[in-house]
Amino acid sequence: MNWYLQSGKESDVVQSTRIRMARNLKQFPFRVKCNKQDLYNILETIEKITPKIGYGLKFMKLSDMDDITKLSLVEKHIISPEFALSKESDTKAIVLNEEENICIMINEEDHMRIQIFSSGLELENCLNLAVELDEKIGKLVTYAASEKYGYLTACPTNVGTGMRASVMVHLPALTMTGNIRKSFRSGKWCRNEYSWSIWRRK
């Protein structure tokens, strides 16, 4: 069953959990410096290793998807609107499993955006799966990394672990009373180890 159809821990408030890891392949420039052939070669490299990763993952080029499929993935927050609507869809792809709780975006801001999703509050379980998946991929390709700085990423703020953890929460009372913006400004949602994303349902 797809993760977003399930009811997880604290799901009355926490709608979903996501762990994201940004990774780049050592032999290629960062995406913003890649030429067209580099981007195609990145796709080919990931496509070749996909069967070896496991988890029932399938490699799918964005250019082979219809607009409805791409829109549905955006609606589920599995891929970003910018990624889905890219005019260079022939250089982009996703690696997705049947449950859609694992999605790797290829050639987004970084060569790879490894994402793990779960319904409800499941930070620890999502993190464990993300680390396991990351280690498996890391045995099949060589990541761009530095002993001093950690994993190297296109955006300097992601250098290090390249990881971001977020939860999507439903806060109707704060929205109805107009206190949602005040909560953002107070900084109570920031943590040193994680970045928490709060989404407001319209």
N, C-alpha and C. Protein backbone atom coordinates (compact mmCIF):
# COMPACT_ATOMS: atom_id res chain seq x y z
N MET A 1 0.84 -1.19 0.00
CA MET A 1 0.00 0.00 0.00
C MET A 1 0.87 1.25 0.00
N ASN A 2 0.48 2.25 -0.76
CA ASN A 2 1.23 3.50 -0.82
C ASN A 2 1.26 4.18 0.55
N TRP A 3 2.40 4.78 0.89
CA TRP A 3 2.60 5.34 2.23
C TRP A 3 1.57 6.41 2.58
N TYR A 4 1.15 7.21 1.61
CA TYR A 4 0.24 8.32 1.88
C TYR A 4 -1.21 7.87 2.10
N LEU A 5 -1.49 6.59 1.88
CA LEU A 5 -2.82 6.05 2.15
C LEU A 5 -2.90 5.42 3.54
N GLN A 6 -1.78 5.39 4.22
CA GLN A 6 -1.72 4.80 5.55
C GLN A 6 -1.86 5.85 6.64
N SER A 7 -2.18 5.39 7.82
CA SER A 7 -2.30 6.28 8.98
C SER A 7 -1.16 5.98 9.93
N GLY A 8 -0.24 6.95 10.09
CA GLY A 8 0.94 6.72 10.90
C GLY A 8 0.81 7.29 12.30
N LYS A 9 1.90 7.24 13.04
CA LYS A 9 1.95 7.73 14.41
C LYS A 9 1.68 9.24 14.44
N GLU A 10 0.82 9.65 15.37
CA GLU A 10 0.46 11.07 15.53
C GLU A 10 -0.10 11.67 14.25
N SER A 11 -0.75 10.84 13.43
CA SER A 11 -1.21 11.31 12.11
C SER A 11 -2.39 12.28 12.18
N ASP A 12 -2.95 12.46 13.39
CA ASP A 12 -4.00 13.47 13.51
C ASP A 12 -3.41 14.88 13.40
N VAL A 13 -2.11 15.00 13.67
CA VAL A 13 -1.44 16.29 13.56
C VAL A 13 -0.32 16.23 12.51
N VAL A 14 0.54 15.21 12.62
CA VAL A 14 1.66 15.08 11.70
C VAL A 14 1.22 14.25 10.50
N GLN A 15 1.15 14.89 9.35
CA GLN A 15 0.65 14.21 8.17
C GLN A 15 1.71 13.33 7.51
N SER A 16 2.95 13.80 7.50
CA SER A 16 3.98 13.00 6.85
C SER A 16 5.37 13.40 7.34
N THR A 17 6.31 12.48 7.13
CA THR A 17 7.72 12.69 7.46
C THR A 17 8.54 12.47 6.20
N ARG A 18 9.58 13.29 6.03
CA ARG A 18 10.47 13.10 4.89
C ARG A 18 11.93 13.28 5.32
N ILE A 19 12.76 12.36 4.87
CA ILE A 19 14.21 12.50 5.00
C ILE A 19 14.78 12.65 3.60
N ARG A 20 15.58 13.67 3.39
CA ARG A 20 16.18 13.92 2.08
C ARG A 20 17.69 13.99 2.20
N MET A 21 18.39 13.34 1.27
CA MET A 21 19.84 13.40 1.22
C MET A 21 20.27 13.86 -0.16
N ALA A 22 21.12 14.88 -0.21
CA ALA A 22 21.65 15.40 -1.47
C ALA A 22 23.00 14.74 -1.74
N ARG A 23 23.15 14.17 -2.91
CA ARG A 23 24.39 13.49 -3.28
C ARG A 23 24.78 13.82 -4.71
N ASN A 24 26.09 13.87 -4.95
CA ASN A 24 26.62 14.10 -6.29
C ASN A 24 27.66 13.04 -6.63
N LEU A 25 27.78 12.75 -7.92
CA LEU A 25 28.74 11.76 -8.38
C LEU A 25 30.08 12.44 -8.62
N LYS A 26 31.14 11.83 -8.13
CA LYS A 26 32.46 12.44 -8.14
C LYS A 26 32.96 12.76 -9.55
N GLN A 27 32.64 11.90 -10.52
CA GLN A 27 33.24 12.06 -11.85
C GLN A 27 32.59 13.13 -12.72
N PHE A 28 31.51 13.76 -12.21
CA PHE A 28 30.82 14.78 -13.00
C PHE A 28 30.82 16.12 -12.28
N PRO A 29 30.78 17.24 -13.03
CA PRO A 29 30.64 18.55 -12.38
C PRO A 29 29.28 18.66 -11.71
N PHE A 30 29.10 19.66 -10.82
CA PHE A 30 27.78 19.92 -10.28
C PHE A 30 26.82 20.19 -11.44
N ARG A 31 25.54 19.93 -11.22
CA ARG A 31 24.57 20.01 -12.31
C ARG A 31 24.59 21.35 -13.05
N VAL A 32 24.74 22.45 -12.30
CA VAL A 32 24.73 23.77 -12.95
C VAL A 32 25.91 23.97 -13.89
N LYS A 33 26.95 23.14 -13.74
CA LYS A 33 28.13 23.22 -14.60
C LYS A 33 28.17 22.11 -15.65
N CYS A 34 27.18 21.22 -15.61
CA CYS A 34 27.14 20.10 -16.55
C CYS A 34 26.69 20.56 -17.93
N ASN A 35 27.26 19.95 -18.96
CA ASN A 35 26.70 20.12 -20.29
C ASN A 35 25.67 19.02 -20.52
N LYS A 36 25.02 19.06 -21.65
CA LYS A 36 23.94 18.11 -21.94
C LYS A 36 24.42 16.66 -21.86
N GLN A 37 25.60 16.42 -22.41
CA GLN A 37 26.12 15.05 -22.41
C GLN A 37 26.41 14.56 -21.00
N ASP A 38 26.92 15.44 -20.15
CA ASP A 38 27.16 15.08 -18.75
C ASP A 38 25.86 14.62 -18.10
N LEU A 39 24.78 15.37 -18.33
CA LEU A 39 23.49 15.06 -17.72
C LEU A 39 22.97 13.71 -18.21
N TYR A 40 23.14 13.44 -19.51
CA TYR A 40 22.73 12.15 -20.05
C TYR A 40 23.57 11.02 -19.43
N ASN A 41 24.86 11.28 -19.24
CA ASN A 41 25.74 10.26 -18.65
C ASN A 41 25.38 9.97 -17.20
N ILE A 42 24.94 11.00 -16.47
CA ILE A 42 24.48 10.80 -15.09
C ILE A 42 23.24 9.91 -15.08
N LEU A 43 22.31 10.20 -15.99
CA LEU A 43 21.10 9.36 -16.10
C LEU A 43 21.47 7.91 -16.38
N GLU A 44 22.37 7.73 -17.32
CA GLU A 44 22.78 6.38 -17.70
C GLU A 44 23.46 5.65 -16.54
N THR A 45 24.28 6.37 -15.79
CA THR A 45 24.97 5.77 -14.65
C THR A 45 23.98 5.28 -13.60
N ILE A 46 23.00 6.12 -13.27
CA ILE A 46 22.01 5.76 -12.26
C ILE A 46 21.09 4.65 -12.77
N GLU A 47 20.73 4.71 -14.04
CA GLU A 47 19.85 3.68 -14.61
C GLU A 47 20.51 2.30 -14.53
N LYS A 48 21.82 2.25 -14.77
CA LYS A 48 22.54 0.97 -14.75
C LYS A 48 22.58 0.35 -13.35
N ILE A 49 22.70 1.19 -12.32
CA ILE A 49 22.83 0.63 -10.96
C ILE A 49 21.48 0.39 -10.29
N THR A 50 20.40 0.94 -10.84
CA THR A 50 19.08 0.84 -10.19
C THR A 50 18.68 -0.60 -9.85
N PRO A 51 18.82 -1.58 -10.76
CA PRO A 51 18.43 -2.96 -10.41
C PRO A 51 19.24 -3.54 -9.25
N LYS A 52 20.46 -3.03 -9.05
CA LYS A 52 21.33 -3.55 -7.99
C LYS A 52 21.01 -2.97 -6.62
N ILE A 53 20.26 -1.88 -6.59
CA ILE A 53 19.95 -1.22 -5.31
C ILE A 53 18.92 -2.01 -4.52
N GLY A 54 17.95 -2.59 -5.23
CA GLY A 54 16.89 -3.34 -4.56
C GLY A 54 15.67 -2.48 -4.27
N TYR A 55 14.86 -2.90 -3.30
CA TYR A 55 13.66 -2.20 -2.86
C TYR A 55 12.58 -2.10 -3.95
N GLY A 56 12.72 -2.85 -5.01
CA GLY A 56 11.74 -2.79 -6.10
C GLY A 56 11.76 -1.46 -6.84
N LEU A 57 12.91 -0.81 -6.86
CA LEU A 57 13.01 0.51 -7.49
C LEU A 57 12.99 0.41 -9.01
N LYS A 58 12.34 1.40 -9.63
CA LYS A 58 12.28 1.48 -11.09
C LYS A 58 12.77 2.84 -11.54
N PHE A 59 13.53 2.85 -12.62
CA PHE A 59 14.07 4.07 -13.20
C PHE A 59 13.09 4.58 -14.25
N MET A 60 12.68 5.84 -14.13
CA MET A 60 11.71 6.42 -15.06
C MET A 60 12.16 7.80 -15.50
N LYS A 61 12.33 7.99 -16.80
CA LYS A 61 12.68 9.30 -17.33
C LYS A 61 11.47 10.23 -17.28
N LEU A 62 11.73 11.46 -16.93
CA LEU A 62 10.65 12.44 -16.83
C LEU A 62 9.98 12.67 -18.18
N SER A 63 10.77 12.60 -19.24
CA SER A 63 10.24 12.83 -20.58
C SER A 63 9.27 11.74 -21.03
N ASP A 64 9.31 10.58 -20.36
CA ASP A 64 8.41 9.47 -20.70
C ASP A 64 7.10 9.53 -19.93
N MET A 65 6.98 10.48 -18.99
CA MET A 65 5.77 10.59 -18.17
C MET A 65 4.81 11.60 -18.77
N ASP A 66 3.52 11.32 -18.65
CA ASP A 66 2.54 12.31 -19.09
C ASP A 66 2.34 13.36 -17.99
N ASP A 67 1.70 14.45 -18.33
CA ASP A 67 1.53 15.57 -17.40
C ASP A 67 0.73 15.18 -16.16
N ILE A 68 -0.25 14.30 -16.33
CA ILE A 68 -1.09 13.89 -15.19
C ILE A 68 -0.26 13.12 -14.17
N THR A 69 0.60 12.24 -14.64
CA THR A 69 1.46 11.47 -13.74
C THR A 69 2.39 12.40 -12.97
N LYS A 70 3.00 13.34 -13.68
CA LYS A 70 3.91 14.28 -13.03
C LYS A 70 3.17 15.15 -12.01
N LEU A 71 1.97 15.60 -12.38
CA LEU A 71 1.18 16.43 -11.47
C LEU A 71 0.79 15.65 -10.22
N SER A 72 0.46 14.37 -10.37
CA SER A 72 0.08 13.56 -9.21
C SER A 72 1.25 13.40 -8.25
N LEU A 73 2.47 13.27 -8.78
CA LEU A 73 3.65 13.16 -7.93
C LEU A 73 3.93 14.47 -7.19
N VAL A 74 3.64 15.60 -7.86
CA VAL A 74 3.77 16.90 -7.20
C VAL A 74 2.75 17.04 -6.09
N GLU A 75 1.51 16.64 -6.36
CA GLU A 75 0.44 16.73 -5.36
C GLU A 75 0.75 15.90 -4.11
N LYS A 76 1.45 14.80 -4.31
CA LYS A 76 1.84 13.94 -3.17
C LYS A 76 3.12 14.44 -2.50
N HIS A 77 3.69 15.54 -3.01
CA HIS A 77 4.95 16.12 -2.50
C HIS A 77 6.12 15.17 -2.68
N ILE A 78 6.05 14.30 -3.68
CA ILE A 78 7.13 13.36 -3.95
C ILE A 78 8.20 14.01 -4.82
N ILE A 79 7.78 14.86 -5.77
CA ILE A 79 8.73 15.65 -6.55
C ILE A 79 8.31 17.11 -6.49
N SER A 80 9.25 17.99 -6.76
CA SER A 80 8.96 19.42 -6.69
C SER A 80 8.31 19.90 -7.99
N PRO A 81 7.50 20.96 -7.93
CA PRO A 81 6.89 21.52 -9.15
C PRO A 81 7.94 21.95 -10.16
N GLU A 82 9.04 22.55 -9.68
CA GLU A 82 10.10 23.00 -10.58
C GLU A 82 10.72 21.83 -11.35
N PHE A 83 10.88 20.72 -10.65
CA PHE A 83 11.43 19.52 -11.27
C PHE A 83 10.46 18.97 -12.31
N ALA A 84 9.19 18.90 -11.95
CA ALA A 84 8.17 18.33 -12.83
C ALA A 84 7.96 19.16 -14.09
N LEU A 85 8.05 20.49 -13.95
CA LEU A 85 7.76 21.39 -15.06
C LEU A 85 9.00 21.81 -15.85
N SER A 86 10.12 21.20 -15.54
CA SER A 86 11.37 21.57 -16.20
C SER A 86 11.27 21.40 -17.72
N LYS A 87 11.84 22.38 -18.44
CA LYS A 87 11.87 22.31 -19.89
C LYS A 87 12.93 21.33 -20.38
N GLU A 88 13.79 20.88 -19.47
CA GLU A 88 14.85 19.92 -19.82
C GLU A 88 14.50 18.54 -19.27
N SER A 89 13.26 18.12 -19.49
CA SER A 89 12.79 16.84 -18.93
C SER A 89 13.55 15.65 -19.48
N ASP A 90 14.18 15.81 -20.64
CA ASP A 90 14.94 14.70 -21.23
C ASP A 90 16.22 14.41 -20.46
N THR A 91 16.62 15.33 -19.57
CA THR A 91 17.84 15.12 -18.77
C THR A 91 17.52 14.77 -17.33
N LYS A 92 16.25 14.55 -17.03
CA LYS A 92 15.83 14.29 -15.65
C LYS A 92 15.09 12.96 -15.55
N ALA A 93 15.15 12.38 -14.35
CA ALA A 93 14.47 11.10 -14.12
C ALA A 93 14.21 10.93 -12.63
N ILE A 94 13.41 9.94 -12.32
CA ILE A 94 13.21 9.56 -10.92
C ILE A 94 13.41 8.05 -10.79
N VAL A 95 13.80 7.65 -9.61
CA VAL A 95 13.88 6.23 -9.26
C VAL A 95 12.86 6.04 -8.14
N LEU A 96 11.85 5.21 -8.39
CA LEU A 96 10.69 5.13 -7.50
C LEU A 96 10.32 3.68 -7.24
N ASN A 97 9.90 3.38 -6.00
CA ASN A 97 9.40 2.04 -5.71
C ASN A 97 7.87 2.03 -5.76
N GLU A 98 7.29 0.85 -5.67
CA GLU A 98 5.84 0.71 -5.84
C GLU A 98 5.06 1.43 -4.75
N GLU A 99 5.57 1.40 -3.51
CA GLU A 99 4.88 2.05 -2.40
C GLU A 99 5.06 3.57 -2.43
N GLU A 100 5.97 4.04 -3.25
CA GLU A 100 6.27 5.47 -3.43
C GLU A 100 6.81 6.13 -2.15
N ASN A 101 7.34 5.31 -1.24
CA ASN A 101 7.97 5.89 -0.05
C ASN A 101 9.47 6.12 -0.26
N ILE A 102 9.99 5.65 -1.40
CA ILE A 102 11.36 5.93 -1.80
C ILE A 102 11.32 6.59 -3.17
N CYS A 103 11.89 7.78 -3.26
CA CYS A 103 11.97 8.46 -4.56
C CYS A 103 13.31 9.18 -4.65
N ILE A 104 14.04 8.90 -5.70
CA ILE A 104 15.31 9.59 -5.95
C ILE A 104 15.14 10.46 -7.19
N MET A 105 15.27 11.76 -7.02
CA MET A 105 15.21 12.67 -8.16
C MET A 105 16.60 12.79 -8.76
N ILE A 106 16.71 12.58 -10.07
CA ILE A 106 17.99 12.64 -10.76
C ILE A 106 18.11 13.94 -11.53
N ASN A 107 19.22 14.63 -11.34
CA ASN A 107 19.51 15.90 -12.00
C ASN A 107 18.52 17.01 -11.60
N GLU A 108 18.21 17.05 -10.30
CA GLU A 108 17.48 18.22 -9.80
C GLU A 108 18.56 19.26 -9.48
N GLU A 109 18.61 19.82 -8.27
CA GLU A 109 19.70 20.74 -7.94
C GLU A 109 21.03 20.00 -7.86
N ASP A 110 20.98 18.79 -7.32
CA ASP A 110 22.15 17.91 -7.26
C ASP A 110 21.92 16.73 -8.20
N HIS A 111 22.95 15.93 -8.40
CA HIS A 111 22.81 14.76 -9.26
C HIS A 111 21.72 13.82 -8.73
N MET A 112 21.68 13.67 -7.39
CA MET A 112 20.71 12.78 -6.77
C MET A 112 20.10 13.44 -5.54
N ARG A 113 18.79 13.34 -5.43
CA ARG A 113 18.09 13.73 -4.21
C ARG A 113 17.37 12.49 -3.69
N ILE A 114 17.97 11.83 -2.72
CA ILE A 114 17.39 10.61 -2.15
C ILE A 114 16.34 11.01 -1.12
N GLN A 115 15.11 10.52 -1.29
CA GLN A 115 14.02 10.89 -0.40
C GLN A 115 13.30 9.66 0.16
N ILE A 116 13.02 9.72 1.44
CA ILE A 116 12.25 8.68 2.11
C ILE A 116 11.03 9.33 2.73
N PHE A 117 9.86 8.75 2.51
CA PHE A 117 8.61 9.31 3.01
C PHE A 117 7.89 8.31 3.93
N SER A 118 7.11 8.86 4.84
CA SER A 118 6.27 8.02 5.69
C SER A 118 5.08 8.82 6.17
N SER A 119 3.98 8.16 6.39
CA SER A 119 2.83 8.80 6.99
C SER A 119 3.08 8.97 8.49
N GLY A 120 2.62 10.09 9.05
CA GLY A 120 2.77 10.33 10.48
C GLY A 120 4.19 10.70 10.88
N LEU A 121 4.46 10.63 12.17
CA LEU A 121 5.76 11.02 12.72
C LEU A 121 6.66 9.80 12.79
N GLU A 122 7.57 9.67 11.83
CA GLU A 122 8.44 8.49 11.75
C GLU A 122 9.86 8.90 11.40
N LEU A 123 10.39 9.88 12.12
CA LEU A 123 11.73 10.39 11.81
C LEU A 123 12.81 9.31 11.91
N GLU A 124 12.77 8.54 12.99
CA GLU A 124 13.82 7.55 13.20
C GLU A 124 13.78 6.45 12.15
N ASN A 125 12.57 5.93 11.86
CA ASN A 125 12.45 4.86 10.87
C ASN A 125 12.84 5.34 9.47
N CYS A 126 12.42 6.57 9.13
CA CYS A 126 12.78 7.13 7.83
C CYS A 126 14.28 7.34 7.73
N LEU A 127 14.88 7.82 8.80
CA LEU A 127 16.33 8.04 8.81
C LEU A 127 17.08 6.73 8.64
N ASN A 128 16.66 5.69 9.34
CA ASN A 128 17.33 4.39 9.23
C ASN A 128 17.28 3.86 7.80
N LEU A 129 16.11 4.00 7.16
CA LEU A 129 15.97 3.53 5.77
C LEU A 129 16.81 4.39 4.83
N ALA A 130 16.83 5.70 5.07
CA ALA A 130 17.62 6.60 4.22
C ALA A 130 19.10 6.27 4.30
N VAL A 131 19.60 6.03 5.51
CA VAL A 131 21.01 5.69 5.70
C VAL A 131 21.33 4.37 5.02
N GLU A 132 20.44 3.39 5.18
CA GLU A 132 20.64 2.08 4.56
C GLU A 132 20.69 2.20 3.04
N LEU A 133 19.75 2.97 2.47
CA LEU A 133 19.71 3.16 1.02
C LEU A 133 20.93 3.92 0.53
N ASP A 134 21.30 4.95 1.26
CA ASP A 134 22.46 5.77 0.91
C ASP A 134 23.74 4.93 0.89
N GLU A 135 23.89 4.06 1.86
CA GLU A 135 25.08 3.20 1.92
C GLU A 135 25.12 2.20 0.76
N LYS A 136 23.96 1.68 0.39
CA LYS A 136 23.91 0.75 -0.74
C LYS A 136 24.30 1.44 -2.04
N ILE A 137 23.77 2.64 -2.25
CA ILE A 137 24.11 3.39 -3.47
C ILE A 137 25.59 3.78 -3.44
N GLY A 138 26.07 4.15 -2.26
CA GLY A 138 27.47 4.55 -2.12
C GLY A 138 28.46 3.45 -2.44
N LYS A 139 28.02 2.20 -2.42
CA LYS A 139 28.88 1.08 -2.79
C LYS A 139 28.89 0.84 -4.30
N LEU A 140 27.92 1.46 -4.99
CA LEU A 140 27.78 1.27 -6.43
C LEU A 140 28.32 2.44 -7.24
N VAL A 141 28.41 3.61 -6.61
CA VAL A 141 28.96 4.80 -7.26
C VAL A 141 29.91 5.48 -6.28
N THR A 142 30.69 6.44 -6.78
CA THR A 142 31.59 7.20 -5.92
C THR A 142 31.01 8.59 -5.72
N TYR A 143 30.67 8.91 -4.48
CA TYR A 143 30.11 10.21 -4.17
C TYR A 143 31.20 11.29 -4.15
N ALA A 144 30.80 12.51 -4.48
CA ALA A 144 31.68 13.66 -4.30
C ALA A 144 31.70 14.01 -2.83
N ALA A 145 32.87 13.90 -2.20
CA ALA A 145 32.97 14.12 -0.76
C ALA A 145 34.35 14.63 -0.39
N SER A 146 34.41 15.27 0.76
CA SER A 146 35.67 15.81 1.28
C SER A 146 35.83 15.36 2.73
N GLU A 147 37.04 14.98 3.10
CA GLU A 147 37.28 14.59 4.49
C GLU A 147 37.03 15.75 5.45
N LYS A 148 37.27 16.96 4.96
CA LYS A 148 37.10 18.15 5.80
C LYS A 148 35.65 18.62 5.86
N TYR A 149 34.98 18.63 4.70
CA TYR A 149 33.65 19.24 4.63
C TYR A 149 32.50 18.25 4.56
N GLY A 150 32.78 16.99 4.28
CA GLY A 150 31.70 16.01 4.15
C GLY A 150 31.24 15.89 2.71
N TYR A 151 29.97 15.55 2.51
CA TYR A 151 29.44 15.41 1.15
C TYR A 151 29.35 16.77 0.50
N LEU A 152 29.80 16.85 -0.76
CA LEU A 152 29.81 18.11 -1.49
C LEU A 152 28.54 18.26 -2.31
N THR A 153 27.93 19.43 -2.22
CA THR A 153 26.64 19.68 -2.86
C THR A 153 26.67 20.98 -3.64
N ALA A 154 25.70 21.14 -4.54
CA ALA A 154 25.63 22.33 -5.38
C ALA A 154 25.40 23.59 -4.56
N CYS A 155 24.61 23.47 -3.49
CA CYS A 155 24.35 24.59 -2.59
C CYS A 155 25.21 24.44 -1.34
N PRO A 156 25.99 25.46 -0.99
CA PRO A 156 26.89 25.36 0.17
C PRO A 156 26.18 25.03 1.48
N THR A 157 24.92 25.42 1.63
CA THR A 157 24.20 25.16 2.88
C THR A 157 23.89 23.69 3.09
N ASN A 158 24.03 22.88 2.04
CA ASN A 158 23.76 21.45 2.16
C ASN A 158 25.03 20.62 2.38
N VAL A 159 26.19 21.27 2.27
CA VAL A 159 27.46 20.55 2.43
C VAL A 159 27.55 19.96 3.85
N GLY A 160 28.09 18.77 3.93
CA GLY A 160 28.21 18.09 5.22
C GLY A 160 27.52 16.75 5.13
N THR A 161 26.43 16.60 5.87
CA THR A 161 25.65 15.36 5.76
C THR A 161 24.81 15.36 4.49
N GLY A 162 24.48 16.57 3.99
CA GLY A 162 23.59 16.66 2.83
C GLY A 162 22.18 16.26 3.17
N MET A 163 21.90 16.16 4.47
CA MET A 163 20.60 15.64 4.90
C MET A 163 19.68 16.73 5.43
N ARG A 164 18.40 16.56 5.16
CA ARG A 164 17.38 17.42 5.75
C ARG A 164 16.20 16.55 6.15
N ALA A 165 15.70 16.75 7.35
CA ALA A 165 14.52 16.03 7.83
C ALA A 165 13.38 17.02 7.98
N SER A 166 12.19 16.64 7.56
CA SER A 166 11.06 17.55 7.67
C SER A 166 9.79 16.78 7.98
N VAL A 167 8.87 17.46 8.62
CA VAL A 167 7.55 16.90 8.88
C VAL A 167 6.50 17.89 8.37
N MET A 168 5.44 17.36 7.81
CA MET A 168 4.33 18.19 7.38
C MET A 168 3.23 18.07 8.43
N VAL A 169 2.87 19.18 9.04
CA VAL A 169 1.89 19.14 10.12
C VAL A 169 0.66 19.96 9.77
N HIS A 170 -0.46 19.56 10.34
CA HIS A 170 -1.74 20.22 10.12
C HIS A 170 -2.04 21.06 11.37
N LEU A 171 -2.06 22.38 11.23
CA LEU A 171 -2.24 23.29 12.36
C LEU A 171 -3.41 24.24 12.10
N PRO A 172 -4.63 23.72 12.06
CA PRO A 172 -5.78 24.58 11.73
C PRO A 172 -6.03 25.70 12.73
N ALA A 173 -5.81 25.43 14.02
CA ALA A 173 -6.11 26.45 15.04
C ALA A 173 -5.19 27.66 14.88
N LEU A 174 -3.88 27.39 14.64
CA LEU A 174 -2.95 28.49 14.45
C LEU A 174 -3.29 29.30 13.21
N THR A 175 -3.75 28.60 12.19
CA THR A 175 -4.13 29.30 10.95
C THR A 175 -5.38 30.14 11.16
N MET A 176 -6.39 29.56 11.81
CA MET A 176 -7.66 30.26 12.02
C MET A 176 -7.52 31.48 12.92
N THR A 177 -6.60 31.41 13.89
CA THR A 177 -6.42 32.53 14.81
C THR A 177 -5.39 33.54 14.28
N GLY A 178 -4.78 33.24 13.15
CA GLY A 178 -3.81 34.15 12.57
C GLY A 178 -2.45 34.11 13.24
N ASN A 179 -2.19 33.08 14.04
CA ASN A 179 -0.92 33.00 14.77
C ASN A 179 0.15 32.17 14.06
N ILE A 180 -0.17 31.65 12.86
CA ILE A 180 0.79 30.79 12.17
C ILE A 180 2.05 31.56 11.79
N ARG A 181 1.89 32.80 11.31
CA ARG A 181 3.07 33.61 10.93
C ARG A 181 3.89 33.99 12.16
N LYS A 182 3.20 34.24 13.27
CA LYS A 182 3.91 34.57 14.50
C LYS A 182 4.77 33.39 14.95
N SER A 183 4.26 32.19 14.77
CA SER A 183 5.01 30.99 15.14
C SER A 183 6.27 30.84 14.30
N PHE A 184 6.15 31.15 13.00
CA PHE A 184 7.32 31.11 12.12
C PHE A 184 8.37 32.10 12.57
N ARG A 185 7.92 33.34 12.87
CA ARG A 185 8.86 34.39 13.23
C ARG A 185 9.55 34.13 14.57
N SER A 186 8.88 33.39 15.45
CA SER A 186 9.45 33.14 16.77
C SER A 186 10.65 32.22 16.73
N GLY A 187 10.78 31.45 15.64
CA GLY A 187 11.92 30.55 15.50
C GLY A 187 11.78 29.27 16.29
N LYS A 188 10.59 29.00 16.85
CA LYS A 188 10.40 27.80 17.65
C LYS A 188 10.45 26.53 16.82
N TRP A 189 10.31 26.69 15.50
CA TRP A 189 10.27 25.49 14.66
C TRP A 189 11.65 25.11 14.14
N CYS A 190 12.67 25.87 14.50
CA CYS A 190 14.02 25.58 14.02
C CYS A 190 14.76 24.69 15.01
N ARG A 191 15.56 23.80 14.50
CA ARG A 191 16.40 22.93 15.32
C ARG A 191 17.79 22.90 14.72
N ASN A 192 18.80 22.62 15.52
CA ASN A 192 20.16 22.58 15.02
C ASN A 192 20.39 21.41 14.07
N GLU A 193 19.76 20.27 14.37
CA GLU A 193 20.05 19.08 13.60
C GLU A 193 19.10 18.88 12.43
N TYR A 194 17.91 19.43 12.52
CA TYR A 194 16.92 19.18 11.49
C TYR A 194 16.29 20.49 11.01
N SER A 195 15.80 20.45 9.80
CA SER A 195 15.02 21.57 9.29
C SER A 195 13.57 21.11 9.21
N TRP A 196 12.72 21.78 9.93
CA TRP A 196 11.31 21.37 9.99
C TRP A 196 10.49 22.22 9.03
N SER A 197 9.78 21.58 8.15
CA SER A 197 8.92 22.30 7.21
C SER A 197 7.48 22.20 7.66
N ILE A 198 6.82 23.34 7.76
CA ILE A 198 5.41 23.36 8.16
C ILE A 198 4.59 23.79 6.98
N TRP A 199 3.66 22.95 6.59
CA TRP A 199 2.82 23.23 5.44
C TRP A 199 1.41 23.54 5.95
N ARG A 200 0.80 24.56 5.40
CA ARG A 200 -0.57 24.92 5.79
C ARG A 200 -1.55 24.47 4.72
N ARG A 201 -2.50 23.67 5.12
CA ARG A 201 -3.53 23.23 4.18
C ARG A 201 -4.50 24.39 3.89
N LYS A 202 -4.80 24.59 2.63
CA LYS A 202 -5.73 25.65 2.26
C LYS A 202 -7.16 25.12 2.30
